[in-house]
Amino acid sequence: MSPDETKPAGGAVQRFALRYWLAILLVVLAAVFIGQNRDRQQVHVLWITVESPMWLLLTAMLAVGIIVGLLLHRRRRN
């Protein structure tokens, strides 16, 4: 028997199951968020006015925040 065969396989299976359950929960929360924020809102940026559903505006701001975070991210040296 090799050392790998003596390890129980339950740990890896539980981690994947937890990850999938978390992904499903986040998708459900996103669907609820979209369902509750369907009202159209106006956003004024300089001289431009945009009217869009609130969920789309917030998603766009999340994307902008992620992009800025990626651009400003500094890697740590070990």
N, C-alpha and C. Protein backbone atom coordinates (compact mmCIF):
# COMPACT_ATOMS: atom_id res chain seq x y z
N MET A 1 0.83 -1.19 0.00
CA MET A 1 0.00 0.00 0.00
C MET A 1 0.87 1.25 0.00
N SER A 2 0.52 2.19 -0.81
CA SER A 2 1.25 3.45 -0.83
C SER A 2 0.65 4.38 0.22
N PRO A 3 1.38 5.42 0.63
CA PRO A 3 0.85 6.35 1.65
C PRO A 3 -0.42 7.05 1.19
N ASP A 4 -0.60 7.25 -0.13
CA ASP A 4 -1.80 7.94 -0.62
C ASP A 4 -3.05 7.12 -0.41
N GLU A 5 -2.93 5.80 -0.42
CA GLU A 5 -4.10 4.94 -0.29
C GLU A 5 -4.63 4.89 1.13
N THR A 6 -3.84 5.26 2.10
CA THR A 6 -4.27 5.20 3.50
C THR A 6 -5.03 6.45 3.92
N LYS A 7 -5.00 7.51 3.14
CA LYS A 7 -5.69 8.75 3.50
C LYS A 7 -7.18 8.63 3.19
N PRO A 8 -8.02 9.11 4.08
CA PRO A 8 -9.45 9.09 3.78
C PRO A 8 -9.77 10.11 2.69
N ALA A 9 -10.69 9.77 1.82
CA ALA A 9 -11.03 10.65 0.70
C ALA A 9 -12.13 11.63 1.06
N GLY A 10 -12.67 11.58 2.25
CA GLY A 10 -13.79 12.43 2.62
C GLY A 10 -13.46 13.90 2.67
N GLY A 11 -12.24 14.28 3.03
CA GLY A 11 -11.88 15.69 3.14
C GLY A 11 -11.98 16.44 1.83
N ALA A 12 -11.46 15.87 0.78
CA ALA A 12 -11.52 16.53 -0.52
C ALA A 12 -12.95 16.61 -1.02
N VAL A 13 -13.72 15.57 -0.80
CA VAL A 13 -15.11 15.55 -1.24
C VAL A 13 -15.90 16.62 -0.50
N GLN A 14 -15.67 16.76 0.80
CA GLN A 14 -16.39 17.78 1.57
C GLN A 14 -16.02 19.18 1.11
N ARG A 15 -14.75 19.43 0.80
CA ARG A 15 -14.34 20.75 0.34
C ARG A 15 -15.03 21.10 -0.98
N PHE A 16 -15.07 20.17 -1.91
CA PHE A 16 -15.72 20.45 -3.19
C PHE A 16 -17.22 20.65 -2.99
N ALA A 17 -17.82 19.86 -2.15
CA ALA A 17 -19.25 20.00 -1.91
C ALA A 17 -19.55 21.36 -1.29
N LEU A 18 -18.75 21.78 -0.33
CA LEU A 18 -18.95 23.08 0.30
C LEU A 18 -18.78 24.20 -0.72
N ARG A 19 -17.79 24.08 -1.59
CA ARG A 19 -17.56 25.10 -2.61
C ARG A 19 -18.75 25.19 -3.56
N TYR A 20 -19.31 24.05 -3.95
CA TYR A 20 -20.47 24.07 -4.85
C TYR A 20 -21.70 24.64 -4.16
N TRP A 21 -21.91 24.30 -2.89
CA TRP A 21 -23.04 24.85 -2.16
C TRP A 21 -22.91 26.37 -2.01
N LEU A 22 -21.71 26.84 -1.77
CA LEU A 22 -21.49 28.28 -1.67
C LEU A 22 -21.76 28.97 -3.00
N ALA A 23 -21.33 28.36 -4.10
CA ALA A 23 -21.59 28.93 -5.43
C ALA A 23 -23.09 28.98 -5.71
N ILE A 24 -23.82 27.93 -5.36
CA ILE A 24 -25.27 27.90 -5.56
C ILE A 24 -25.94 28.99 -4.72
N LEU A 25 -25.51 29.14 -3.48
CA LEU A 25 -26.06 30.17 -2.60
C LEU A 25 -25.83 31.57 -3.18
N LEU A 26 -24.63 31.83 -3.70
CA LEU A 26 -24.34 33.14 -4.28
C LEU A 26 -25.18 33.41 -5.53
N VAL A 27 -25.42 32.40 -6.33
CA VAL A 27 -26.26 32.56 -7.53
C VAL A 27 -27.70 32.88 -7.11
N VAL A 28 -28.20 32.19 -6.09
CA VAL A 28 -29.55 32.46 -5.61
C VAL A 28 -29.64 33.88 -5.05
N LEU A 29 -28.64 34.29 -4.28
CA LEU A 29 -28.65 35.66 -3.74
C LEU A 29 -28.58 36.70 -4.86
N ALA A 30 -27.82 36.43 -5.90
CA ALA A 30 -27.75 37.35 -7.05
C ALA A 30 -29.11 37.44 -7.74
N ALA A 31 -29.79 36.31 -7.89
CA ALA A 31 -31.11 36.31 -8.53
C ALA A 31 -32.13 37.10 -7.69
N VAL A 32 -32.08 36.95 -6.37
CA VAL A 32 -32.97 37.71 -5.49
C VAL A 32 -32.64 39.20 -5.59
N PHE A 33 -31.37 39.53 -5.59
CA PHE A 33 -30.93 40.93 -5.70
C PHE A 33 -31.46 41.55 -6.99
N ILE A 34 -31.32 40.84 -8.11
CA ILE A 34 -31.80 41.36 -9.40
C ILE A 34 -33.32 41.52 -9.37
N GLY A 35 -34.01 40.53 -8.81
CA GLY A 35 -35.46 40.60 -8.74
C GLY A 35 -35.97 41.78 -7.93
N GLN A 36 -35.26 42.15 -6.89
CA GLN A 36 -35.70 43.23 -6.02
C GLN A 36 -35.22 44.61 -6.47
N ASN A 37 -34.33 44.68 -7.44
CA ASN A 37 -33.79 45.97 -7.88
C ASN A 37 -33.99 46.16 -9.38
N ARG A 38 -35.26 46.01 -9.81
CA ARG A 38 -35.56 46.16 -11.23
C ARG A 38 -35.99 47.58 -11.59
N ASP A 39 -36.19 48.43 -10.62
CA ASP A 39 -36.61 49.80 -10.90
C ASP A 39 -35.52 50.54 -11.67
N ARG A 40 -35.97 51.41 -12.56
CA ARG A 40 -35.02 52.19 -13.36
C ARG A 40 -34.61 53.44 -12.58
N GLN A 41 -33.32 53.75 -12.65
CA GLN A 41 -32.77 54.91 -11.96
C GLN A 41 -31.99 55.76 -12.95
N GLN A 42 -31.90 57.04 -12.66
CA GLN A 42 -31.09 57.94 -13.48
C GLN A 42 -29.78 58.20 -12.77
N VAL A 43 -28.71 58.16 -13.56
CA VAL A 43 -27.38 58.46 -13.04
C VAL A 43 -26.81 59.58 -13.88
N HIS A 44 -26.28 60.61 -13.22
CA HIS A 44 -25.71 61.76 -13.92
C HIS A 44 -24.19 61.72 -13.76
N VAL A 45 -23.48 61.66 -14.89
CA VAL A 45 -22.02 61.70 -14.88
C VAL A 45 -21.60 62.83 -15.81
N LEU A 46 -21.04 63.87 -15.21
CA LEU A 46 -20.69 65.08 -15.94
C LEU A 46 -21.93 65.59 -16.68
N TRP A 47 -21.94 65.62 -17.99
CA TRP A 47 -23.09 66.12 -18.74
C TRP A 47 -23.96 64.99 -19.32
N ILE A 48 -23.66 63.77 -18.97
CA ILE A 48 -24.38 62.62 -19.51
C ILE A 48 -25.34 62.08 -18.45
N THR A 49 -26.56 61.78 -18.87
CA THR A 49 -27.54 61.15 -17.99
C THR A 49 -27.87 59.78 -18.55
N VAL A 50 -27.76 58.77 -17.69
CA VAL A 50 -28.03 57.39 -18.08
C VAL A 50 -29.18 56.87 -17.23
N GLU A 51 -30.14 56.21 -17.88
CA GLU A 51 -31.23 55.58 -17.14
C GLU A 51 -31.13 54.07 -17.37
N SER A 52 -31.08 53.35 -16.26
CA SER A 52 -30.86 51.91 -16.33
C SER A 52 -31.42 51.26 -15.07
N PRO A 53 -31.67 49.94 -15.12
CA PRO A 53 -32.10 49.26 -13.89
C PRO A 53 -31.00 49.36 -12.82
N MET A 54 -31.42 49.48 -11.58
CA MET A 54 -30.49 49.65 -10.47
C MET A 54 -29.49 48.51 -10.39
N TRP A 55 -29.93 47.26 -10.60
CA TRP A 55 -29.02 46.12 -10.49
C TRP A 55 -27.91 46.21 -11.52
N LEU A 56 -28.22 46.74 -12.71
CA LEU A 56 -27.20 46.87 -13.75
C LEU A 56 -26.19 47.96 -13.39
N LEU A 57 -26.67 49.05 -12.83
CA LEU A 57 -25.77 50.12 -12.40
C LEU A 57 -24.83 49.65 -11.29
N LEU A 58 -25.37 48.92 -10.32
CA LEU A 58 -24.54 48.43 -9.23
C LEU A 58 -23.54 47.37 -9.71
N THR A 59 -23.96 46.55 -10.66
CA THR A 59 -23.06 45.55 -11.23
C THR A 59 -21.93 46.23 -11.99
N ALA A 60 -22.25 47.30 -12.71
CA ALA A 60 -21.22 48.05 -13.44
C ALA A 60 -20.22 48.67 -12.46
N MET A 61 -20.70 49.20 -11.34
CA MET A 61 -19.81 49.78 -10.34
C MET A 61 -18.94 48.71 -9.69
N LEU A 62 -19.50 47.52 -9.48
CA LEU A 62 -18.70 46.40 -8.96
C LEU A 62 -17.58 46.06 -9.94
N ALA A 63 -17.90 46.00 -11.23
CA ALA A 63 -16.89 45.69 -12.25
C ALA A 63 -15.79 46.75 -12.26
N VAL A 64 -16.18 48.02 -12.15
CA VAL A 64 -15.19 49.11 -12.12
C VAL A 64 -14.30 48.94 -10.89
N GLY A 65 -14.88 48.62 -9.75
CA GLY A 65 -14.09 48.43 -8.53
C GLY A 65 -13.12 47.26 -8.65
N ILE A 66 -13.56 46.18 -9.26
CA ILE A 66 -12.67 45.03 -9.45
C ILE A 66 -11.52 45.39 -10.38
N ILE A 67 -11.81 46.10 -11.45
CA ILE A 67 -10.77 46.50 -12.40
C ILE A 67 -9.75 47.42 -11.73
N VAL A 68 -10.23 48.39 -10.97
CA VAL A 68 -9.31 49.29 -10.26
C VAL A 68 -8.47 48.50 -9.27
N GLY A 69 -9.09 47.57 -8.55
CA GLY A 69 -8.34 46.76 -7.60
C GLY A 69 -7.26 45.92 -8.28
N LEU A 70 -7.59 45.36 -9.44
CA LEU A 70 -6.60 44.58 -10.18
C LEU A 70 -5.46 45.45 -10.70
N LEU A 71 -5.79 46.66 -11.14
CA LEU A 71 -4.75 47.56 -11.65
C LEU A 71 -3.82 48.05 -10.55
N LEU A 72 -4.35 48.21 -9.35
CA LEU A 72 -3.55 48.74 -8.24
C LEU A 72 -2.96 47.65 -7.35
N HIS A 73 -3.25 46.40 -7.66
CA HIS A 73 -2.78 45.28 -6.85
C HIS A 73 -1.27 45.17 -6.91
N ARG A 74 -0.65 45.03 -5.77
CA ARG A 74 0.80 44.82 -5.71
C ARG A 74 1.06 43.42 -5.21
N ARG A 75 1.93 42.72 -5.86
CA ARG A 75 2.28 41.37 -5.42
C ARG A 75 3.29 41.45 -4.29
N ARG A 76 3.09 40.58 -3.31
CA ARG A 76 4.03 40.53 -2.19
C ARG A 76 5.21 39.64 -2.57
N ARG A 77 6.35 40.06 -2.15
CA ARG A 77 7.55 39.26 -2.37
C ARG A 77 7.82 38.46 -1.12
N ASN A 78 8.13 37.19 -1.27
CA ASN A 78 8.39 36.33 -0.12
C ASN A 78 9.84 36.44 0.32
